[in-house]
Amino acid sequence: RELVANTDTEFTLSREMECLAGTVYFESRGEPLAGQLAVAQVVINRSESSRFPSSYCGVVYQRSQFSFVKGGKMPRIKRSSTAWKRAKAIARIAHEGQWESEAQDSLYFHATYVRPSWSRKKARRAAINTHIFYR
């Protein structure tokens, strides 16, 4: 919490960091800090894996990967909100590797209220509040 509180959020995001922060905002803003950081870690891990696009935006906008992306677009972000400022800080912390995620090397996650068929074939890494993370 202290790291997030002390992270500067008064900066303009690059397009890539906007994609990372937007994913945190839309996928996990109601989650505890560990869950929000884990969601960011999945996007970062995917961008570093040869199985996914090599950029944060490529990962986020890859077809049928994130339910908040509709028609290839991210919804409007309430930029004056505390949740957005926190998402920006979390994206920066995760991007700079300032925190070790419980999600570790996870490439996938889903909410606890759904059971996608692919989850049976993946190795579970962590469960944080309402998300389960897999490799």
N, C-alpha and C. Protein backbone atom coordinates (compact mmCIF):
# COMPACT_ATOMS: atom_id res chain seq x y z
N ARG A 1 0.81 -1.20 0.00
CA ARG A 1 0.00 0.00 0.00
C ARG A 1 0.85 1.26 0.00
N GLU A 2 1.91 1.19 0.79
CA GLU A 2 2.80 2.35 0.88
C GLU A 2 3.46 2.65 -0.46
N LEU A 3 3.90 1.60 -1.16
CA LEU A 3 4.52 1.78 -2.46
C LEU A 3 3.55 2.42 -3.44
N VAL A 4 2.31 1.95 -3.45
CA VAL A 4 1.30 2.53 -4.35
C VAL A 4 1.05 3.98 -3.98
N ALA A 5 0.89 4.25 -2.69
CA ALA A 5 0.63 5.62 -2.23
C ALA A 5 1.77 6.56 -2.58
N ASN A 6 2.99 6.07 -2.59
CA ASN A 6 4.16 6.91 -2.85
C ASN A 6 4.59 6.94 -4.31
N THR A 7 3.87 6.23 -5.17
CA THR A 7 4.21 6.21 -6.60
C THR A 7 3.55 7.39 -7.28
N ASP A 8 4.35 8.15 -8.00
CA ASP A 8 3.85 9.32 -8.73
C ASP A 8 2.85 8.88 -9.80
N THR A 9 1.69 9.49 -9.80
CA THR A 9 0.69 9.20 -10.84
C THR A 9 0.38 10.44 -11.68
N GLU A 10 1.11 11.50 -11.44
CA GLU A 10 0.90 12.75 -12.19
C GLU A 10 1.81 12.76 -13.41
N PHE A 11 1.58 11.83 -14.30
CA PHE A 11 2.38 11.74 -15.51
C PHE A 11 1.49 11.25 -16.64
N THR A 12 1.89 11.52 -17.85
CA THR A 12 1.15 11.06 -19.02
C THR A 12 1.65 9.67 -19.37
N LEU A 13 0.73 8.76 -19.55
CA LEU A 13 1.09 7.38 -19.87
C LEU A 13 1.39 7.21 -21.35
N SER A 14 2.36 6.38 -21.65
CA SER A 14 2.57 5.96 -23.04
C SER A 14 1.37 5.08 -23.42
N ARG A 15 1.21 4.82 -24.69
CA ARG A 15 0.10 3.96 -25.13
C ARG A 15 0.20 2.59 -24.48
N GLU A 16 1.41 2.04 -24.39
CA GLU A 16 1.60 0.72 -23.78
C GLU A 16 1.21 0.72 -22.30
N MET A 17 1.63 1.74 -21.58
CA MET A 17 1.30 1.80 -20.16
C MET A 17 -0.19 2.08 -19.95
N GLU A 18 -0.80 2.79 -20.87
CA GLU A 18 -2.24 3.02 -20.83
C GLU A 18 -2.98 1.68 -20.96
N CYS A 19 -2.49 0.80 -21.83
CA CYS A 19 -3.10 -0.52 -21.99
C CYS A 19 -2.95 -1.35 -20.71
N LEU A 20 -1.78 -1.29 -20.10
CA LEU A 20 -1.55 -2.05 -18.87
C LEU A 20 -2.41 -1.50 -17.73
N ALA A 21 -2.40 -0.20 -17.54
CA ALA A 21 -3.21 0.42 -16.48
C ALA A 21 -4.70 0.21 -16.74
N GLY A 22 -5.12 0.29 -18.00
CA GLY A 22 -6.52 0.07 -18.35
C GLY A 22 -6.98 -1.34 -17.99
N THR A 23 -6.12 -2.31 -18.19
CA THR A 23 -6.46 -3.69 -17.83
C THR A 23 -6.62 -3.82 -16.33
N VAL A 24 -5.73 -3.23 -15.57
CA VAL A 24 -5.85 -3.24 -14.11
C VAL A 24 -7.18 -2.58 -13.72
N TYR A 25 -7.46 -1.44 -14.31
CA TYR A 25 -8.67 -0.68 -13.99
C TYR A 25 -9.95 -1.48 -14.28
N PHE A 26 -10.03 -2.06 -15.45
CA PHE A 26 -11.27 -2.75 -15.84
C PHE A 26 -11.38 -4.17 -15.30
N GLU A 27 -10.28 -4.87 -15.17
CA GLU A 27 -10.33 -6.26 -14.73
C GLU A 27 -10.29 -6.43 -13.21
N SER A 28 -9.72 -5.45 -12.50
CA SER A 28 -9.47 -5.75 -11.08
C SER A 28 -9.57 -4.56 -10.13
N ARG A 29 -10.17 -3.47 -10.53
CA ARG A 29 -10.16 -2.29 -9.64
C ARG A 29 -10.85 -2.52 -8.31
N GLY A 30 -11.74 -3.49 -8.21
CA GLY A 30 -12.42 -3.79 -6.95
C GLY A 30 -11.69 -4.85 -6.12
N GLU A 31 -10.56 -5.30 -6.62
CA GLU A 31 -9.79 -6.35 -5.96
C GLU A 31 -8.79 -5.75 -4.98
N PRO A 32 -8.28 -6.57 -4.06
CA PRO A 32 -7.19 -6.09 -3.20
C PRO A 32 -5.95 -5.81 -4.05
N LEU A 33 -5.03 -5.08 -3.48
CA LEU A 33 -3.82 -4.70 -4.18
C LEU A 33 -3.10 -5.89 -4.80
N ALA A 34 -2.98 -6.99 -4.08
CA ALA A 34 -2.29 -8.18 -4.61
C ALA A 34 -2.96 -8.69 -5.88
N GLY A 35 -4.29 -8.64 -5.93
CA GLY A 35 -5.02 -9.08 -7.12
C GLY A 35 -4.81 -8.15 -8.30
N GLN A 36 -4.78 -6.85 -8.03
CA GLN A 36 -4.55 -5.88 -9.10
C GLN A 36 -3.15 -6.02 -9.67
N LEU A 37 -2.18 -6.21 -8.80
CA LEU A 37 -0.81 -6.41 -9.26
C LEU A 37 -0.67 -7.72 -10.03
N ALA A 38 -1.38 -8.74 -9.62
CA ALA A 38 -1.33 -10.03 -10.31
C ALA A 38 -1.91 -9.92 -11.72
N VAL A 39 -2.98 -9.17 -11.89
CA VAL A 39 -3.56 -8.96 -13.23
C VAL A 39 -2.53 -8.26 -14.12
N ALA A 40 -1.88 -7.24 -13.60
CA ALA A 40 -0.84 -6.56 -14.36
C ALA A 40 0.28 -7.53 -14.71
N GLN A 41 0.64 -8.39 -13.78
CA GLN A 41 1.72 -9.36 -14.01
C GLN A 41 1.38 -10.31 -15.15
N VAL A 42 0.12 -10.71 -15.25
CA VAL A 42 -0.29 -11.60 -16.35
C VAL A 42 -0.08 -10.92 -17.69
N VAL A 43 -0.46 -9.66 -17.81
CA VAL A 43 -0.26 -8.93 -19.07
C VAL A 43 1.23 -8.84 -19.40
N ILE A 44 2.03 -8.52 -18.40
CA ILE A 44 3.48 -8.43 -18.60
C ILE A 44 4.04 -9.79 -19.00
N ASN A 45 3.64 -10.85 -18.30
CA ASN A 45 4.12 -12.20 -18.62
C ASN A 45 3.75 -12.59 -20.05
N ARG A 46 2.53 -12.28 -20.44
CA ARG A 46 2.12 -12.61 -21.81
C ARG A 46 2.97 -11.86 -22.83
N SER A 47 3.24 -10.59 -22.57
CA SER A 47 4.04 -9.81 -23.54
C SER A 47 5.46 -10.34 -23.66
N GLU A 48 5.92 -11.06 -22.65
CA GLU A 48 7.27 -11.63 -22.66
C GLU A 48 7.29 -13.09 -23.15
N SER A 49 6.11 -13.66 -23.40
CA SER A 49 6.00 -15.04 -23.87
C SER A 49 5.86 -15.06 -25.39
N SER A 50 6.49 -16.02 -26.03
CA SER A 50 6.38 -16.14 -27.49
C SER A 50 5.00 -16.60 -27.93
N ARG A 51 4.15 -17.01 -26.98
CA ARG A 51 2.80 -17.48 -27.33
C ARG A 51 1.79 -16.34 -27.50
N PHE A 52 2.20 -15.13 -27.16
CA PHE A 52 1.29 -13.98 -27.19
C PHE A 52 1.97 -12.81 -27.90
N PRO A 53 1.19 -11.78 -28.25
CA PRO A 53 1.80 -10.58 -28.83
C PRO A 53 2.87 -10.00 -27.90
N SER A 54 3.84 -9.30 -28.47
CA SER A 54 5.01 -8.85 -27.71
C SER A 54 4.86 -7.48 -27.05
N SER A 55 3.66 -6.90 -27.08
CA SER A 55 3.45 -5.61 -26.43
C SER A 55 2.24 -5.70 -25.51
N TYR A 56 2.17 -4.80 -24.54
CA TYR A 56 1.02 -4.78 -23.64
C TYR A 56 -0.27 -4.57 -24.42
N CYS A 57 -0.26 -3.62 -25.34
CA CYS A 57 -1.48 -3.37 -26.12
C CYS A 57 -1.83 -4.56 -27.00
N GLY A 58 -0.82 -5.19 -27.57
CA GLY A 58 -1.07 -6.39 -28.37
C GLY A 58 -1.75 -7.47 -27.56
N VAL A 59 -1.30 -7.65 -26.32
CA VAL A 59 -1.89 -8.63 -25.41
C VAL A 59 -3.33 -8.24 -25.09
N VAL A 60 -3.54 -7.00 -24.71
CA VAL A 60 -4.86 -6.54 -24.27
C VAL A 60 -5.88 -6.58 -25.40
N TYR A 61 -5.46 -6.21 -26.60
CA TYR A 61 -6.39 -6.16 -27.72
C TYR A 61 -6.43 -7.45 -28.55
N GLN A 62 -5.69 -8.47 -28.13
CA GLN A 62 -5.77 -9.74 -28.84
C GLN A 62 -7.21 -10.23 -28.74
N ARG A 63 -7.74 -10.67 -29.83
CA ARG A 63 -9.15 -11.04 -29.91
C ARG A 63 -9.56 -12.05 -28.84
N SER A 64 -10.69 -11.78 -28.21
CA SER A 64 -11.34 -12.67 -27.24
C SER A 64 -10.50 -12.98 -26.00
N GLN A 65 -9.65 -12.08 -25.59
CA GLN A 65 -8.82 -12.33 -24.41
C GLN A 65 -9.35 -11.63 -23.16
N PHE A 66 -9.82 -10.41 -23.30
CA PHE A 66 -10.30 -9.64 -22.16
C PHE A 66 -11.73 -9.16 -22.44
N SER A 67 -12.63 -9.48 -21.53
CA SER A 67 -14.05 -9.20 -21.76
C SER A 67 -14.38 -7.71 -21.79
N PHE A 68 -13.55 -6.86 -21.20
CA PHE A 68 -13.85 -5.43 -21.21
C PHE A 68 -13.57 -4.80 -22.57
N VAL A 69 -12.78 -5.43 -23.42
CA VAL A 69 -12.49 -4.92 -24.76
C VAL A 69 -13.67 -5.29 -25.66
N LYS A 70 -14.32 -4.27 -26.16
CA LYS A 70 -15.50 -4.48 -27.03
C LYS A 70 -15.24 -3.85 -28.39
N GLY A 71 -15.37 -4.62 -29.44
CA GLY A 71 -15.16 -4.10 -30.78
C GLY A 71 -13.76 -3.54 -30.98
N GLY A 72 -12.78 -4.15 -30.30
CA GLY A 72 -11.40 -3.70 -30.42
C GLY A 72 -11.09 -2.41 -29.70
N LYS A 73 -11.99 -1.99 -28.79
CA LYS A 73 -11.78 -0.74 -28.07
C LYS A 73 -11.92 -0.93 -26.57
N MET A 74 -11.19 -0.11 -25.84
CA MET A 74 -11.30 -0.07 -24.39
C MET A 74 -12.39 0.95 -24.03
N PRO A 75 -13.24 0.63 -23.08
CA PRO A 75 -14.27 1.61 -22.68
C PRO A 75 -13.64 2.89 -22.11
N ARG A 76 -14.45 3.89 -21.94
CA ARG A 76 -13.97 5.15 -21.35
C ARG A 76 -13.54 4.92 -19.91
N ILE A 77 -12.47 5.55 -19.56
CA ILE A 77 -11.92 5.47 -18.21
C ILE A 77 -12.29 6.75 -17.47
N LYS A 78 -12.75 6.61 -16.25
CA LYS A 78 -13.04 7.78 -15.41
C LYS A 78 -11.70 8.26 -14.85
N ARG A 79 -11.03 9.13 -15.59
CA ARG A 79 -9.66 9.52 -15.30
C ARG A 79 -9.47 10.34 -14.03
N SER A 80 -10.53 10.90 -13.50
CA SER A 80 -10.41 11.67 -12.26
C SER A 80 -10.60 10.79 -11.03
N SER A 81 -10.87 9.51 -11.24
CA SER A 81 -11.18 8.61 -10.12
C SER A 81 -9.93 8.14 -9.38
N THR A 82 -10.13 7.80 -8.13
CA THR A 82 -9.07 7.21 -7.32
C THR A 82 -8.65 5.87 -7.91
N ALA A 83 -9.61 5.12 -8.43
CA ALA A 83 -9.31 3.80 -9.02
C ALA A 83 -8.35 3.94 -10.20
N TRP A 84 -8.51 4.99 -11.01
CA TRP A 84 -7.62 5.18 -12.15
C TRP A 84 -6.22 5.58 -11.68
N LYS A 85 -6.15 6.44 -10.71
CA LYS A 85 -4.83 6.83 -10.17
C LYS A 85 -4.11 5.61 -9.60
N ARG A 86 -4.85 4.76 -8.90
CA ARG A 86 -4.27 3.54 -8.35
C ARG A 86 -3.83 2.60 -9.47
N ALA A 87 -4.65 2.46 -10.51
CA ALA A 87 -4.30 1.59 -11.64
C ALA A 87 -3.02 2.07 -12.32
N LYS A 88 -2.86 3.38 -12.45
CA LYS A 88 -1.63 3.93 -13.03
C LYS A 88 -0.41 3.59 -12.17
N ALA A 89 -0.56 3.74 -10.86
CA ALA A 89 0.55 3.42 -9.96
C ALA A 89 0.88 1.92 -10.01
N ILE A 90 -0.13 1.09 -10.02
CA ILE A 90 0.07 -0.36 -10.06
C ILE A 90 0.74 -0.78 -11.37
N ALA A 91 0.31 -0.18 -12.48
CA ALA A 91 0.93 -0.49 -13.76
C ALA A 91 2.41 -0.12 -13.74
N ARG A 92 2.72 1.02 -13.19
CA ARG A 92 4.12 1.45 -13.13
C ARG A 92 4.95 0.53 -12.22
N ILE A 93 4.41 0.19 -11.07
CA ILE A 93 5.11 -0.70 -10.14
C ILE A 93 5.36 -2.06 -10.79
N ALA A 94 4.34 -2.61 -11.43
CA ALA A 94 4.48 -3.92 -12.08
C ALA A 94 5.47 -3.85 -13.24
N HIS A 95 5.34 -2.83 -14.07
CA HIS A 95 6.21 -2.66 -15.23
C HIS A 95 7.67 -2.54 -14.82
N GLU A 96 7.92 -1.84 -13.74
CA GLU A 96 9.29 -1.62 -13.27
C GLU A 96 9.80 -2.76 -12.38
N GLY A 97 8.95 -3.78 -12.16
CA GLY A 97 9.37 -4.94 -11.37
C GLY A 97 9.67 -4.62 -9.92
N GLN A 98 8.92 -3.69 -9.35
CA GLN A 98 9.15 -3.26 -7.97
C GLN A 98 8.44 -4.13 -6.94
N TRP A 99 7.75 -5.16 -7.41
CA TRP A 99 6.96 -5.99 -6.51
C TRP A 99 6.93 -7.40 -7.03
N GLU A 100 6.95 -8.38 -6.16
CA GLU A 100 6.88 -9.78 -6.56
C GLU A 100 5.44 -10.27 -6.43
N SER A 101 4.88 -10.70 -7.52
CA SER A 101 3.48 -11.10 -7.56
C SER A 101 3.26 -12.54 -7.11
N GLU A 102 2.17 -12.76 -6.42
CA GLU A 102 1.75 -14.13 -6.08
C GLU A 102 1.46 -14.93 -7.34
N ALA A 103 1.10 -14.23 -8.40
CA ALA A 103 0.76 -14.88 -9.67
C ALA A 103 2.00 -15.43 -10.38
N GLN A 104 3.18 -15.01 -9.94
CA GLN A 104 4.46 -15.48 -10.48
C GLN A 104 4.50 -15.44 -11.99
N ASP A 105 4.56 -16.61 -12.62
CA ASP A 105 4.70 -16.71 -14.07
C ASP A 105 3.37 -16.98 -14.77
N SER A 106 2.28 -16.65 -14.14
CA SER A 106 0.94 -16.91 -14.70
C SER A 106 0.75 -16.23 -16.05
N LEU A 107 0.05 -16.93 -16.93
CA LEU A 107 -0.30 -16.38 -18.24
C LEU A 107 -1.82 -16.26 -18.41
N TYR A 108 -2.57 -16.80 -17.46
CA TYR A 108 -4.02 -16.83 -17.58
C TYR A 108 -4.66 -16.54 -16.22
N PHE A 109 -5.86 -16.03 -16.27
CA PHE A 109 -6.65 -15.88 -15.05
C PHE A 109 -8.12 -15.83 -15.43
N HIS A 110 -8.95 -16.10 -14.45
CA HIS A 110 -10.39 -15.94 -14.63
C HIS A 110 -11.01 -15.64 -13.28
N ALA A 111 -12.22 -15.14 -13.32
CA ALA A 111 -12.97 -14.87 -12.09
C ALA A 111 -13.44 -16.18 -11.48
N THR A 112 -13.60 -16.19 -10.17
CA THR A 112 -14.00 -17.42 -9.48
C THR A 112 -15.41 -17.86 -9.83
N TYR A 113 -16.23 -16.97 -10.34
CA TYR A 113 -17.62 -17.32 -10.65
C TYR A 113 -17.80 -17.95 -12.03
N VAL A 114 -16.70 -18.16 -12.76
CA VAL A 114 -16.77 -18.87 -14.04
C VAL A 114 -15.80 -20.04 -14.00
N ARG A 115 -16.03 -21.04 -14.84
CA ARG A 115 -15.14 -22.20 -14.93
C ARG A 115 -14.84 -22.51 -16.39
N PRO A 116 -13.90 -21.77 -16.97
CA PRO A 116 -13.59 -22.03 -18.38
C PRO A 116 -12.96 -23.42 -18.56
N SER A 117 -13.27 -24.04 -19.67
CA SER A 117 -12.77 -25.40 -19.92
C SER A 117 -11.24 -25.44 -19.96
N TRP A 118 -10.60 -24.39 -20.41
CA TRP A 118 -9.14 -24.37 -20.50
C TRP A 118 -8.47 -24.47 -19.13
N SER A 119 -9.17 -24.07 -18.07
CA SER A 119 -8.55 -24.03 -16.75
C SER A 119 -8.15 -25.43 -16.24
N ARG A 120 -8.83 -26.46 -16.72
CA ARG A 120 -8.50 -27.83 -16.30
C ARG A 120 -7.14 -28.28 -16.83
N LYS A 121 -6.67 -27.64 -17.90
CA LYS A 121 -5.41 -28.02 -18.53
C LYS A 121 -4.23 -27.15 -18.09
N LYS A 122 -4.46 -26.23 -17.19
CA LYS A 122 -3.41 -25.29 -16.75
C LYS A 122 -3.03 -25.56 -15.30
N ALA A 123 -1.81 -25.14 -14.95
CA ALA A 123 -1.32 -25.28 -13.57
C ALA A 123 -1.73 -24.05 -12.77
N ARG A 124 -2.47 -24.28 -11.72
CA ARG A 124 -2.93 -23.18 -10.87
C ARG A 124 -1.76 -22.60 -10.08
N ARG A 125 -1.61 -21.29 -10.11
CA ARG A 125 -0.51 -20.61 -9.41
C ARG A 125 -0.98 -19.89 -8.15
N ALA A 126 -2.15 -19.25 -8.21
CA ALA A 126 -2.62 -18.47 -7.07
C ALA A 126 -4.10 -18.21 -7.18
N ALA A 127 -4.73 -18.00 -6.04
CA ALA A 127 -6.11 -17.54 -5.97
C ALA A 127 -6.08 -16.29 -5.10
N ILE A 128 -6.51 -15.18 -5.67
CA ILE A 128 -6.50 -13.90 -4.95
C ILE A 128 -7.90 -13.31 -5.06
N ASN A 129 -8.58 -13.28 -3.94
CA ASN A 129 -9.94 -12.77 -3.85
C ASN A 129 -10.84 -13.43 -4.91
N THR A 130 -11.25 -12.71 -5.95
CA THR A 130 -12.18 -13.29 -6.93
C THR A 130 -11.51 -13.72 -8.24
N HIS A 131 -10.19 -13.88 -8.24
CA HIS A 131 -9.49 -14.33 -9.45
C HIS A 131 -8.61 -15.54 -9.14
N ILE A 132 -8.51 -16.42 -10.13
CA ILE A 132 -7.61 -17.57 -10.05
C ILE A 132 -6.62 -17.43 -11.20
N PHE A 133 -5.35 -17.64 -10.89
CA PHE A 133 -4.25 -17.44 -11.85
C PHE A 133 -3.60 -18.77 -12.20
N TYR A 134 -3.23 -18.93 -13.48
CA TYR A 134 -2.70 -20.19 -14.00
C TYR A 134 -1.49 -19.96 -14.90
N ARG A 135 -0.73 -21.02 -15.04
CA ARG A 135 0.36 -21.07 -16.02
C ARG A 135 0.01 -22.14 -17.02
